[in-house]
């Protein structure tokens, strides 16, 4: 489960930073 949270964080950061 922790891995999914980390993956979501990475995805959010990638989308937040163009």
N, C-alpha and C. Protein backbone atom coordinates (compact mmCIF):
# COMPACT_ATOMS: atom_id res chain seq x y z
N UNK A 1 0.84 -1.20 0.00
CA UNK A 1 0.00 0.00 0.00
C UNK A 1 0.88 1.25 0.00
N UNK A 2 1.95 1.20 0.79
CA UNK A 2 2.86 2.35 0.84
C UNK A 2 3.42 2.69 -0.53
N UNK A 3 3.64 1.62 -1.33
CA UNK A 3 4.21 1.85 -2.66
C UNK A 3 3.24 2.64 -3.53
N UNK A 4 1.95 2.33 -3.41
CA UNK A 4 0.94 3.03 -4.21
C UNK A 4 0.88 4.50 -3.85
N UNK A 5 1.00 4.79 -2.53
CA UNK A 5 0.98 6.19 -2.07
C UNK A 5 2.18 6.94 -2.64
N UNK A 6 3.34 6.28 -2.62
CA UNK A 6 4.55 6.90 -3.13
C UNK A 6 4.40 7.15 -4.63
N UNK A 7 3.83 6.19 -5.34
CA UNK A 7 3.63 6.33 -6.77
C UNK A 7 2.70 7.49 -7.09
N UNK A 8 1.64 7.63 -6.29
CA UNK A 8 0.69 8.73 -6.48
C UNK A 8 1.39 10.06 -6.24
N UNK A 9 2.26 10.11 -5.23
CA UNK A 9 2.99 11.35 -4.93
C UNK A 9 3.88 11.72 -6.11
N UNK A 10 4.55 10.74 -6.68
CA UNK A 10 5.44 11.00 -7.80
C UNK A 10 4.64 11.49 -9.01
N UNK A 11 3.48 10.85 -9.23
CA UNK A 11 2.64 11.27 -10.36
C UNK A 11 2.16 12.70 -10.16
N UNK A 12 1.73 13.02 -8.94
CA UNK A 12 1.26 14.38 -8.66
C UNK A 12 2.37 15.39 -8.88
N UNK A 13 3.57 15.08 -8.43
CA UNK A 13 4.70 16.01 -8.59
C UNK A 13 5.01 16.20 -10.08
N UNK A 14 4.95 15.13 -10.84
CA UNK A 14 5.26 15.21 -12.27
C UNK A 14 4.22 16.09 -12.99
N UNK A 15 2.95 15.99 -12.55
CA UNK A 15 1.90 16.79 -13.19
C UNK A 15 1.93 18.23 -12.71
N UNK A 16 2.37 18.44 -11.45
CA UNK A 16 2.40 19.80 -10.89
C UNK A 16 3.56 20.58 -11.51
N UNK A 17 4.66 19.89 -11.82
CA UNK A 17 5.81 20.58 -12.42
C UNK A 17 5.86 20.31 -13.92
N UNK A 18 5.55 21.32 -14.72
CA UNK A 18 5.54 21.16 -16.18
C UNK A 18 6.95 21.06 -16.76
